[in-house]
Amino acid sequence: MARWEPDARERLVLAALDLFVEQGYDNTGVVEIAERAGLTKSTFFRHFPDKREVLFVGQDTLNGYLADGIAGAPDAATPLEAIAGALDAVAVVFPPERREFASRRRTVIAANPELQERDALKRAGFAAAMTDALERRGVSEPTARVAAELGVLAFRSAFARWADPACDRDFGDLARQELEALQAASASLS
């Protein structure tokens, strides 16, 4: 078994996704994932605390991109303009060659309540990262929270559209379009 080959983390992610698609999340074990990746169970646990986390690798990276995008927005930017900067910053994580992986991942998550719960926690983390970044810019807590939640909604809708195998649009463009639609919808509430 190849224990020290490069890209062990990515191999584990791909092996897990393949197995989850083939036989279901609940019917797949850590040992099977490790064996499919050509690695050991202990190598799996060096990279992930459990099999659920294989599908959520990179959340801290995304949170960092979101916060950095807000921090890098011009000083005069409104909270939603700063959120647009966050969505632009995170777009680098979604190149066209990742679309098929994202589509398959969404299918697996949609079929399992435990994974749906974990996905909701991930989105809550996005909201917290953006809220904190906006507050560091001097935006009041309620305004920062509402803007961040709109950012999460825009992210979620844009990701669903982007992950569709028939989509040929850039994630950043989709996210900005979704954010503008949400901004218009929220303006009509008053």
N, C-alpha and C. Protein backbone atom coordinates (compact mmCIF):
# COMPACT_ATOMS: atom_id res chain seq x y z
N MET A 1 0.84 -1.18 0.00
CA MET A 1 0.00 0.00 0.00
C MET A 1 0.88 1.24 0.00
N ALA A 2 0.61 2.19 -0.87
CA ALA A 2 1.43 3.39 -1.00
C ALA A 2 1.06 4.40 0.07
N ARG A 3 1.88 4.51 1.09
CA ARG A 3 1.56 5.39 2.20
C ARG A 3 2.06 6.81 2.01
N TRP A 4 3.14 7.01 1.31
CA TRP A 4 3.77 8.33 1.27
C TRP A 4 3.70 8.97 -0.11
N GLU A 5 2.79 8.52 -0.92
CA GLU A 5 2.64 9.13 -2.23
C GLU A 5 2.05 10.52 -2.08
N PRO A 6 2.33 11.41 -3.03
CA PRO A 6 1.81 12.77 -2.93
C PRO A 6 0.29 12.81 -3.11
N ASP A 7 -0.29 13.93 -2.69
CA ASP A 7 -1.72 14.20 -2.87
C ASP A 7 -2.62 13.21 -2.14
N ALA A 8 -2.21 12.72 -1.00
CA ALA A 8 -3.02 11.75 -0.26
C ALA A 8 -4.38 12.34 0.08
N ARG A 9 -4.42 13.58 0.50
CA ARG A 9 -5.69 14.22 0.88
C ARG A 9 -6.66 14.24 -0.30
N GLU A 10 -6.18 14.68 -1.44
CA GLU A 10 -7.04 14.76 -2.63
C GLU A 10 -7.47 13.36 -3.08
N ARG A 11 -6.57 12.40 -2.99
CA ARG A 11 -6.92 11.03 -3.36
C ARG A 11 -8.01 10.48 -2.45
N LEU A 12 -7.92 10.79 -1.16
CA LEU A 12 -8.96 10.35 -0.23
C LEU A 12 -10.31 10.99 -0.54
N VAL A 13 -10.29 12.27 -0.85
CA VAL A 13 -11.53 12.98 -1.19
C VAL A 13 -12.17 12.36 -2.42
N LEU A 14 -11.39 12.14 -3.46
CA LEU A 14 -11.93 11.58 -4.70
C LEU A 14 -12.42 10.14 -4.50
N ALA A 15 -11.67 9.36 -3.74
CA ALA A 15 -12.08 7.98 -3.47
C ALA A 15 -13.39 7.96 -2.69
N ALA A 16 -13.49 8.83 -1.68
CA ALA A 16 -14.71 8.88 -0.88
C ALA A 16 -15.90 9.28 -1.74
N LEU A 17 -15.73 10.30 -2.56
CA LEU A 17 -16.84 10.73 -3.39
C LEU A 17 -17.27 9.62 -4.34
N ASP A 18 -16.32 8.96 -4.95
CA ASP A 18 -16.67 7.84 -5.85
C ASP A 18 -17.47 6.77 -5.11
N LEU A 19 -17.01 6.41 -3.93
CA LEU A 19 -17.71 5.37 -3.16
C LEU A 19 -19.08 5.85 -2.68
N PHE A 20 -19.18 7.09 -2.26
CA PHE A 20 -20.47 7.62 -1.82
C PHE A 20 -21.48 7.60 -2.96
N VAL A 21 -21.02 7.92 -4.16
CA VAL A 21 -21.90 7.90 -5.33
C VAL A 21 -22.28 6.46 -5.67
N GLU A 22 -21.31 5.57 -5.65
CA GLU A 22 -21.54 4.18 -6.04
C GLU A 22 -22.43 3.40 -5.07
N GLN A 23 -22.16 3.56 -3.76
CA GLN A 23 -22.85 2.69 -2.81
C GLN A 23 -23.55 3.43 -1.69
N GLY A 24 -23.53 4.74 -1.72
CA GLY A 24 -24.19 5.53 -0.69
C GLY A 24 -23.27 5.89 0.45
N TYR A 25 -23.53 7.02 1.05
CA TYR A 25 -22.73 7.51 2.17
C TYR A 25 -22.76 6.54 3.35
N ASP A 26 -23.97 6.11 3.74
CA ASP A 26 -24.11 5.24 4.90
C ASP A 26 -23.48 3.87 4.71
N ASN A 27 -23.35 3.43 3.47
CA ASN A 27 -22.81 2.10 3.18
C ASN A 27 -21.31 2.11 2.91
N THR A 28 -20.67 3.24 3.15
CA THR A 28 -19.24 3.37 2.87
C THR A 28 -18.48 3.60 4.17
N GLY A 29 -17.41 2.84 4.35
CA GLY A 29 -16.59 2.98 5.56
C GLY A 29 -15.25 3.62 5.27
N VAL A 30 -14.62 4.08 6.32
CA VAL A 30 -13.31 4.72 6.22
C VAL A 30 -12.27 3.78 5.63
N VAL A 31 -12.30 2.52 6.03
CA VAL A 31 -11.33 1.56 5.50
C VAL A 31 -11.49 1.43 3.99
N GLU A 32 -12.73 1.37 3.51
CA GLU A 32 -12.96 1.28 2.06
C GLU A 32 -12.41 2.51 1.33
N ILE A 33 -12.63 3.67 1.92
CA ILE A 33 -12.14 4.91 1.31
C ILE A 33 -10.62 4.87 1.21
N ALA A 34 -9.99 4.52 2.32
CA ALA A 34 -8.52 4.48 2.34
C ALA A 34 -8.00 3.46 1.33
N GLU A 35 -8.62 2.28 1.28
CA GLU A 35 -8.17 1.26 0.33
C GLU A 35 -8.36 1.72 -1.11
N ARG A 36 -9.49 2.37 -1.41
CA ARG A 36 -9.73 2.86 -2.78
C ARG A 36 -8.67 3.89 -3.16
N ALA A 37 -8.23 4.68 -2.19
CA ALA A 37 -7.20 5.70 -2.45
C ALA A 37 -5.80 5.11 -2.45
N GLY A 38 -5.67 3.83 -2.09
CA GLY A 38 -4.35 3.20 -2.02
C GLY A 38 -3.59 3.63 -0.79
N LEU A 39 -4.32 3.93 0.29
CA LEU A 39 -3.71 4.41 1.53
C LEU A 39 -4.21 3.58 2.70
N THR A 40 -3.75 3.92 3.88
CA THR A 40 -4.17 3.20 5.09
C THR A 40 -5.23 3.99 5.85
N LYS A 41 -5.91 3.29 6.74
CA LYS A 41 -6.90 3.92 7.61
C LYS A 41 -6.26 5.02 8.45
N SER A 42 -5.07 4.78 8.96
CA SER A 42 -4.40 5.80 9.78
C SER A 42 -4.06 7.03 8.95
N THR A 43 -3.73 6.85 7.68
CA THR A 43 -3.49 8.01 6.81
C THR A 43 -4.78 8.81 6.66
N PHE A 44 -5.90 8.10 6.51
CA PHE A 44 -7.19 8.79 6.43
C PHE A 44 -7.37 9.70 7.65
N PHE A 45 -7.15 9.13 8.84
CA PHE A 45 -7.39 9.89 10.06
C PHE A 45 -6.34 10.96 10.33
N ARG A 46 -5.23 10.93 9.64
CA ARG A 46 -4.28 12.06 9.72
C ARG A 46 -4.83 13.27 8.98
N HIS A 47 -5.70 13.02 8.02
CA HIS A 47 -6.25 14.10 7.20
C HIS A 47 -7.66 14.52 7.60
N PHE A 48 -8.46 13.60 8.13
CA PHE A 48 -9.86 13.87 8.41
C PHE A 48 -10.27 13.22 9.73
N PRO A 49 -11.09 13.91 10.53
CA PRO A 49 -11.55 13.31 11.78
C PRO A 49 -12.60 12.21 11.57
N ASP A 50 -13.35 12.29 10.47
CA ASP A 50 -14.35 11.27 10.15
C ASP A 50 -14.71 11.36 8.68
N LYS A 51 -15.49 10.40 8.20
CA LYS A 51 -15.78 10.34 6.76
C LYS A 51 -16.62 11.52 6.29
N ARG A 52 -17.42 12.09 7.16
CA ARG A 52 -18.25 13.23 6.79
C ARG A 52 -17.40 14.41 6.34
N GLU A 53 -16.30 14.63 7.04
CA GLU A 53 -15.47 15.80 6.77
C GLU A 53 -14.74 15.74 5.43
N VAL A 54 -14.69 14.56 4.82
CA VAL A 54 -14.05 14.44 3.51
C VAL A 54 -14.73 15.35 2.49
N LEU A 55 -16.03 15.52 2.62
CA LEU A 55 -16.78 16.34 1.67
C LEU A 55 -16.75 17.83 2.01
N PHE A 56 -16.16 18.18 3.14
CA PHE A 56 -16.19 19.58 3.57
C PHE A 56 -14.78 20.14 3.77
N VAL A 57 -13.82 19.48 3.17
CA VAL A 57 -12.44 19.94 3.24
C VAL A 57 -12.35 21.32 2.60
N GLY A 58 -11.58 22.18 3.19
CA GLY A 58 -11.36 23.50 2.60
C GLY A 58 -12.27 24.60 3.13
N GLN A 59 -13.11 24.30 4.11
CA GLN A 59 -13.99 25.33 4.63
C GLN A 59 -13.21 26.51 5.21
N ASP A 60 -12.14 26.23 5.93
CA ASP A 60 -11.35 27.32 6.49
C ASP A 60 -10.74 28.18 5.39
N THR A 61 -10.34 27.54 4.30
CA THR A 61 -9.81 28.29 3.16
C THR A 61 -10.88 29.21 2.58
N LEU A 62 -12.08 28.68 2.40
CA LEU A 62 -13.18 29.51 1.88
C LEU A 62 -13.49 30.66 2.83
N ASN A 63 -13.53 30.38 4.13
CA ASN A 63 -13.76 31.45 5.10
C ASN A 63 -12.69 32.53 4.98
N GLY A 64 -11.46 32.12 4.77
CA GLY A 64 -10.37 33.08 4.61
C GLY A 64 -10.52 33.92 3.36
N TYR A 65 -10.89 33.30 2.25
CA TYR A 65 -11.13 34.06 1.02
C TYR A 65 -12.26 35.07 1.20
N LEU A 66 -13.33 34.63 1.85
CA LEU A 66 -14.46 35.53 2.07
C LEU A 66 -14.05 36.74 2.92
N ALA A 67 -13.35 36.46 4.02
CA ALA A 67 -12.90 37.56 4.90
C ALA A 67 -11.90 38.47 4.18
N ASP A 68 -10.98 37.88 3.43
CA ASP A 68 -9.99 38.69 2.70
C ASP A 68 -10.66 39.55 1.63
N GLY A 69 -11.68 39.01 0.97
CA GLY A 69 -12.40 39.78 -0.04
C GLY A 69 -13.08 40.99 0.56
N ILE A 70 -13.63 40.83 1.74
CA ILE A 70 -14.27 41.96 2.43
C ILE A 70 -13.21 42.96 2.89
N ALA A 71 -12.14 42.46 3.45
CA ALA A 71 -11.07 43.35 3.93
C ALA A 71 -10.45 44.14 2.77
N GLY A 72 -10.40 43.55 1.59
CA GLY A 72 -9.80 44.21 0.43
C GLY A 72 -10.72 45.15 -0.32
N ALA A 73 -11.98 45.22 0.10
CA ALA A 73 -12.91 46.12 -0.58
C ALA A 73 -12.50 47.58 -0.31
N PRO A 74 -12.78 48.48 -1.24
CA PRO A 74 -12.44 49.89 -1.02
C PRO A 74 -13.07 50.42 0.27
N ASP A 75 -12.42 51.39 0.89
CA ASP A 75 -12.92 51.95 2.15
C ASP A 75 -14.35 52.46 2.04
N ALA A 76 -14.70 53.02 0.88
CA ALA A 76 -16.03 53.60 0.70
C ALA A 76 -17.10 52.55 0.32
N ALA A 77 -16.72 51.30 0.22
CA ALA A 77 -17.67 50.26 -0.20
C ALA A 77 -18.78 50.10 0.83
N THR A 78 -20.00 49.92 0.33
CA THR A 78 -21.12 49.59 1.21
C THR A 78 -20.94 48.16 1.70
N PRO A 79 -21.70 47.75 2.72
CA PRO A 79 -21.58 46.36 3.17
C PRO A 79 -21.84 45.35 2.05
N LEU A 80 -22.83 45.59 1.19
CA LEU A 80 -23.09 44.64 0.11
C LEU A 80 -22.02 44.70 -0.98
N GLU A 81 -21.42 45.85 -1.19
CA GLU A 81 -20.29 45.92 -2.13
C GLU A 81 -19.11 45.12 -1.58
N ALA A 82 -18.91 45.18 -0.26
CA ALA A 82 -17.84 44.38 0.36
C ALA A 82 -18.16 42.89 0.24
N ILE A 83 -19.43 42.53 0.39
CA ILE A 83 -19.84 41.13 0.22
C ILE A 83 -19.59 40.69 -1.22
N ALA A 84 -19.87 41.55 -2.17
CA ALA A 84 -19.57 41.23 -3.58
C ALA A 84 -18.07 40.97 -3.75
N GLY A 85 -17.25 41.73 -3.06
CA GLY A 85 -15.80 41.48 -3.10
C GLY A 85 -15.45 40.12 -2.52
N ALA A 86 -16.17 39.72 -1.48
CA ALA A 86 -15.94 38.40 -0.89
C ALA A 86 -16.30 37.30 -1.87
N LEU A 87 -17.43 37.46 -2.55
CA LEU A 87 -17.86 36.45 -3.53
C LEU A 87 -16.90 36.39 -4.71
N ASP A 88 -16.37 37.54 -5.11
CA ASP A 88 -15.36 37.56 -6.17
C ASP A 88 -14.11 36.81 -5.73
N ALA A 89 -13.71 37.03 -4.47
CA ALA A 89 -12.48 36.42 -3.96
C ALA A 89 -12.59 34.90 -3.89
N VAL A 90 -13.76 34.41 -3.52
CA VAL A 90 -13.93 32.96 -3.37
C VAL A 90 -14.09 32.26 -4.72
N ALA A 91 -14.36 33.00 -5.76
CA ALA A 91 -14.57 32.41 -7.09
C ALA A 91 -13.36 31.63 -7.58
N VAL A 92 -12.17 31.94 -7.10
CA VAL A 92 -10.98 31.23 -7.55
C VAL A 92 -11.00 29.75 -7.17
N VAL A 93 -11.82 29.41 -6.19
CA VAL A 93 -11.92 28.03 -5.72
C VAL A 93 -12.79 27.19 -6.65
N PHE A 94 -13.51 27.85 -7.57
CA PHE A 94 -14.47 27.16 -8.41
C PHE A 94 -14.13 27.29 -9.90
N PRO A 95 -13.01 26.71 -10.32
CA PRO A 95 -12.69 26.71 -11.75
C PRO A 95 -13.58 25.69 -12.48
N PRO A 96 -13.74 25.85 -13.78
CA PRO A 96 -14.62 24.93 -14.53
C PRO A 96 -14.28 23.46 -14.35
N GLU A 97 -13.01 23.13 -14.17
CA GLU A 97 -12.63 21.71 -14.04
C GLU A 97 -13.11 21.09 -12.73
N ARG A 98 -13.60 21.88 -11.79
CA ARG A 98 -14.14 21.34 -10.53
C ARG A 98 -15.66 21.16 -10.57
N ARG A 99 -16.28 21.56 -11.66
CA ARG A 99 -17.75 21.54 -11.77
C ARG A 99 -18.32 20.12 -11.60
N GLU A 100 -17.73 19.14 -12.28
CA GLU A 100 -18.24 17.77 -12.18
C GLU A 100 -18.14 17.26 -10.74
N PHE A 101 -17.01 17.50 -10.10
CA PHE A 101 -16.84 17.10 -8.70
C PHE A 101 -17.92 17.75 -7.84
N ALA A 102 -18.15 19.05 -8.04
CA ALA A 102 -19.14 19.77 -7.25
C ALA A 102 -20.54 19.22 -7.46
N SER A 103 -20.85 18.89 -8.69
CA SER A 103 -22.17 18.33 -9.00
C SER A 103 -22.37 16.99 -8.29
N ARG A 104 -21.38 16.14 -8.35
CA ARG A 104 -21.47 14.83 -7.69
C ARG A 104 -21.56 15.00 -6.17
N ARG A 105 -20.79 15.92 -5.64
CA ARG A 105 -20.80 16.19 -4.20
C ARG A 105 -22.18 16.66 -3.75
N ARG A 106 -22.79 17.55 -4.52
CA ARG A 106 -24.13 18.05 -4.19
C ARG A 106 -25.14 16.91 -4.17
N THR A 107 -25.02 15.98 -5.10
CA THR A 107 -25.94 14.84 -5.15
C THR A 107 -25.81 13.99 -3.89
N VAL A 108 -24.59 13.73 -3.46
CA VAL A 108 -24.37 12.93 -2.26
C VAL A 108 -24.93 13.65 -1.04
N ILE A 109 -24.66 14.93 -0.91
CA ILE A 109 -25.15 15.70 0.24
C ILE A 109 -26.68 15.73 0.26
N ALA A 110 -27.29 15.93 -0.89
CA ALA A 110 -28.76 16.00 -0.96
C ALA A 110 -29.43 14.69 -0.54
N ALA A 111 -28.72 13.59 -0.64
CA ALA A 111 -29.29 12.28 -0.32
C ALA A 111 -29.12 11.88 1.15
N ASN A 112 -28.46 12.72 1.96
CA ASN A 112 -28.16 12.32 3.32
C ASN A 112 -28.41 13.45 4.31
N PRO A 113 -29.34 13.27 5.26
CA PRO A 113 -29.64 14.33 6.24
C PRO A 113 -28.43 14.75 7.09
N GLU A 114 -27.58 13.81 7.44
CA GLU A 114 -26.39 14.14 8.24
C GLU A 114 -25.47 15.09 7.46
N LEU A 115 -25.32 14.85 6.18
CA LEU A 115 -24.48 15.71 5.35
C LEU A 115 -25.16 17.05 5.10
N GLN A 116 -26.47 17.06 5.00
CA GLN A 116 -27.19 18.32 4.84
C GLN A 116 -27.01 19.20 6.08
N GLU A 117 -27.03 18.56 7.24
CA GLU A 117 -26.79 19.29 8.49
C GLU A 117 -25.38 19.88 8.51
N ARG A 118 -24.41 19.10 8.10
CA ARG A 118 -23.03 19.57 8.08
C ARG A 118 -22.86 20.70 7.07
N ASP A 119 -23.58 20.62 5.95
CA ASP A 119 -23.54 21.67 4.94
C ASP A 119 -24.12 22.97 5.51
N ALA A 120 -25.18 22.86 6.28
CA ALA A 120 -25.77 24.04 6.92
C ALA A 120 -24.78 24.66 7.91
N LEU A 121 -24.04 23.84 8.64
CA LEU A 121 -23.02 24.36 9.55
C LEU A 121 -21.91 25.09 8.79
N LYS A 122 -21.57 24.56 7.62
CA LYS A 122 -20.56 25.21 6.78
C LYS A 122 -21.04 26.60 6.38
N ARG A 123 -22.28 26.70 5.95
CA ARG A 123 -22.83 28.00 5.56
C ARG A 123 -22.89 28.95 6.75
N ALA A 124 -23.19 28.44 7.93
CA ALA A 124 -23.17 29.28 9.13
C ALA A 124 -21.76 29.82 9.37
N GLY A 125 -20.77 28.99 9.10
CA GLY A 125 -19.38 29.44 9.21
C GLY A 125 -19.06 30.54 8.22
N PHE A 126 -19.58 30.42 7.00
CA PHE A 126 -19.40 31.49 6.00
C PHE A 126 -20.00 32.79 6.51
N ALA A 127 -21.22 32.70 7.05
CA ALA A 127 -21.90 33.90 7.55
C ALA A 127 -21.10 34.53 8.68
N ALA A 128 -20.60 33.71 9.58
CA ALA A 128 -19.81 34.24 10.70
C ALA A 128 -18.53 34.91 10.21
N ALA A 129 -17.85 34.29 9.26
CA ALA A 129 -16.61 34.88 8.73
C ALA A 129 -16.88 36.23 8.07
N MET A 130 -17.97 36.31 7.29
CA MET A 130 -18.29 37.57 6.63
C MET A 130 -18.79 38.62 7.62
N THR A 131 -19.57 38.20 8.60
CA THR A 131 -20.04 39.14 9.63
C THR A 131 -18.86 39.74 10.37
N ASP A 132 -17.94 38.89 10.81
CA ASP A 132 -16.75 39.37 11.53
C ASP A 132 -15.93 40.33 10.67
N ALA A 133 -15.75 39.99 9.40
CA ALA A 133 -14.96 40.85 8.52
C ALA A 133 -15.64 42.20 8.31
N LEU A 134 -16.95 42.20 8.19
CA LEU A 134 -17.67 43.47 8.04
C LEU A 134 -17.59 44.30 9.32
N GLU A 135 -17.71 43.65 10.47
CA GLU A 135 -17.61 44.37 11.74
C GLU A 135 -16.22 44.99 11.92
N ARG A 136 -15.19 44.29 11.44
CA ARG A 136 -13.83 44.86 11.50
C ARG A 136 -13.72 46.11 10.63
N ARG A 137 -14.59 46.24 9.64
CA ARG A 137 -14.63 47.44 8.79
C ARG A 137 -15.45 48.55 9.43
N GLY A 138 -16.06 48.27 10.58
CA GLY A 138 -16.85 49.27 11.26
C GLY A 138 -18.34 49.19 10.99
N VAL A 139 -18.78 48.13 10.32
CA VAL A 139 -20.21 47.95 10.05
C VAL A 139 -20.87 47.45 11.33
N SER A 140 -22.04 48.00 11.67
CA SER A 140 -22.74 47.59 12.89
C SER A 140 -23.14 46.12 12.80
N GLU A 141 -23.27 45.49 13.97
CA GLU A 141 -23.54 44.06 14.02
C GLU A 141 -24.80 43.66 13.26
N PRO A 142 -25.95 44.31 13.46
CA PRO A 142 -27.12 43.82 12.72
C PRO A 142 -26.98 43.98 11.21
N THR A 143 -26.40 45.08 10.78
CA THR A 143 -26.20 45.31 9.35
C THR A 143 -25.21 44.29 8.79
N ALA A 144 -24.15 44.05 9.52
CA ALA A 144 -23.14 43.08 9.08
C ALA A 144 -23.76 41.69 8.97
N ARG A 145 -24.58 41.32 9.94
CA ARG A 145 -25.20 40.00 9.93
C ARG A 145 -26.16 39.83 8.75
N VAL A 146 -26.97 40.85 8.50
CA VAL A 146 -27.92 40.78 7.38
C VAL A 146 -27.16 40.71 6.05
N ALA A 147 -26.16 41.55 5.89
CA ALA A 147 -25.37 41.54 4.65
C ALA A 147 -24.69 40.19 4.46
N ALA A 148 -24.14 39.63 5.54
CA ALA A 148 -23.47 38.33 5.46
C ALA A 148 -24.47 37.23 5.08
N GLU A 149 -25.64 37.25 5.65
CA GLU A 149 -26.66 36.25 5.32
C GLU A 149 -27.08 36.37 3.86
N LEU A 150 -27.19 37.59 3.36
CA LEU A 150 -27.47 37.77 1.93
C LEU A 150 -26.33 37.21 1.09
N GLY A 151 -25.11 37.40 1.57
CA GLY A 151 -23.95 36.83 0.88
C GLY A 151 -24.00 35.31 0.84
N VAL A 152 -24.42 34.70 1.94
CA VAL A 152 -24.53 33.24 1.99
C VAL A 152 -25.63 32.76 1.04
N LEU A 153 -26.76 33.46 1.02
CA LEU A 153 -27.82 33.09 0.09
C LEU A 153 -27.36 33.20 -1.36
N ALA A 154 -26.64 34.28 -1.66
CA ALA A 154 -26.12 34.47 -3.02
C ALA A 154 -25.12 33.36 -3.35
N PHE A 155 -24.24 33.05 -2.40
CA PHE A 155 -23.26 31.97 -2.60
C PHE A 155 -23.97 30.66 -2.89
N ARG A 156 -24.94 30.32 -2.06
CA ARG A 156 -25.64 29.05 -2.19
C ARG A 156 -26.35 28.93 -3.54
N SER A 157 -27.06 29.98 -3.94
CA SER A 157 -27.77 29.95 -5.23
C SER A 157 -26.79 29.89 -6.39
N ALA A 158 -25.74 30.69 -6.31
CA ALA A 158 -24.74 30.70 -7.38
C ALA A 158 -24.05 29.34 -7.49
N PHE A 159 -23.73 28.75 -6.35
CA PHE A 159 -23.07 27.45 -6.37
C PHE A 159 -23.98 26.39 -7.00
N ALA A 160 -25.25 26.41 -6.65
CA ALA A 160 -26.19 25.43 -7.23
C ALA A 160 -26.25 25.59 -8.75
N ARG A 161 -26.28 26.81 -9.22
CA ARG A 161 -26.31 27.04 -10.67
C ARG A 161 -24.98 26.64 -11.30
N TRP A 162 -23.87 27.03 -10.68
CA TRP A 162 -22.55 26.74 -11.22
C TRP A 162 -22.27 25.24 -11.28
N ALA A 163 -22.73 24.49 -10.27
CA ALA A 163 -22.45 23.06 -10.20
C ALA A 163 -23.28 22.24 -11.18
N ASP A 164 -24.25 22.86 -11.81
CA ASP A 164 -25.03 22.17 -12.83
C ASP A 164 -24.11 21.86 -14.00
N PRO A 165 -23.99 20.59 -14.39
CA PRO A 165 -23.08 20.25 -15.49
C PRO A 165 -23.37 21.00 -16.79
N ALA A 166 -24.58 21.48 -16.98
CA ALA A 166 -24.92 22.22 -18.20
C ALA A 166 -24.49 23.68 -18.14
N CYS A 167 -24.08 24.14 -16.97
CA CYS A 167 -23.68 25.54 -16.81
C CYS A 167 -22.31 25.79 -17.44
N ASP A 168 -22.18 26.92 -18.09
CA ASP A 168 -20.88 27.29 -18.65
C ASP A 168 -20.45 28.67 -18.18
N ARG A 169 -21.06 29.14 -17.12
CA ARG A 169 -20.75 30.48 -16.60
C ARG A 169 -19.78 30.43 -15.44
N ASP A 170 -19.10 31.52 -15.23
CA ASP A 170 -18.15 31.69 -14.15
C ASP A 170 -18.89 31.84 -12.82
N PHE A 171 -18.34 31.22 -11.78
CA PHE A 171 -18.97 31.31 -10.46
C PHE A 171 -19.09 32.76 -10.00
N GLY A 172 -18.06 33.55 -10.19
CA GLY A 172 -18.10 34.94 -9.73
C GLY A 172 -19.22 35.73 -10.38
N ASP A 173 -19.42 35.53 -11.67
CA ASP A 173 -20.52 36.22 -12.36
C ASP A 173 -21.87 35.79 -11.81
N LEU A 174 -22.03 34.51 -11.60
CA LEU A 174 -23.28 34.00 -11.05
C LEU A 174 -23.53 34.54 -9.65
N ALA A 175 -22.49 34.59 -8.84
CA ALA A 175 -22.63 35.07 -7.46
C ALA A 175 -23.02 36.54 -7.43
N ARG A 176 -22.39 37.34 -8.25
CA ARG A 176 -22.76 38.77 -8.31
C ARG A 176 -24.21 38.93 -8.78
N GLN A 177 -24.60 38.15 -9.78
CA GLN A 177 -25.98 38.22 -10.28
C GLN A 177 -26.97 37.85 -9.17
N GLU A 178 -26.66 36.81 -8.44
CA GLU A 178 -27.54 36.39 -7.33
C GLU A 178 -27.59 37.46 -6.24
N LEU A 179 -26.44 38.06 -5.91
CA LEU A 179 -26.41 39.09 -4.89
C LEU A 179 -27.23 40.31 -5.32
N GLU A 180 -27.11 40.70 -6.58
CA GLU A 180 -27.90 41.83 -7.08
C GLU A 180 -29.40 41.52 -7.02
N ALA A 181 -29.80 40.30 -7.35
CA ALA A 181 -31.21 39.92 -7.28
C ALA A 181 -31.71 39.96 -5.83
N LEU A 182 -30.90 39.50 -4.90
CA LEU A 182 -31.28 39.53 -3.50
C LEU A 182 -31.36 40.95 -2.97
N GLN A 183 -30.44 41.79 -3.40
CA GLN A 183 -30.47 43.20 -2.99
C GLN A 183 -31.75 43.85 -3.49
N ALA A 184 -32.12 43.59 -4.72
CA ALA A 184 -33.36 44.14 -5.27
C ALA A 184 -34.57 43.60 -4.50
N ALA A 185 -34.56 42.32 -4.21
CA ALA A 185 -35.67 41.73 -3.47
C ALA A 185 -35.78 42.32 -2.06
N SER A 186 -34.66 42.53 -1.41
CA SER A 186 -34.70 43.09 -0.04
C SER A 186 -35.15 44.55 -0.06
N ALA A 187 -34.83 45.28 -1.12
CA ALA A 187 -35.27 46.68 -1.23
C ALA A 187 -36.78 46.74 -1.37
N SER A 188 -37.37 45.72 -1.97
CA SER A 188 -38.83 45.73 -2.17
C SER A 188 -39.59 45.36 -0.91
N LEU A 189 -38.89 44.97 0.14
CA LEU A 189 -39.54 44.59 1.38
C LEU A 189 -40.04 45.79 2.19
N SER A 190 -39.46 46.95 1.96
CA SER A 190 -39.85 48.10 2.78
C SER A 190 -40.96 48.91 2.16
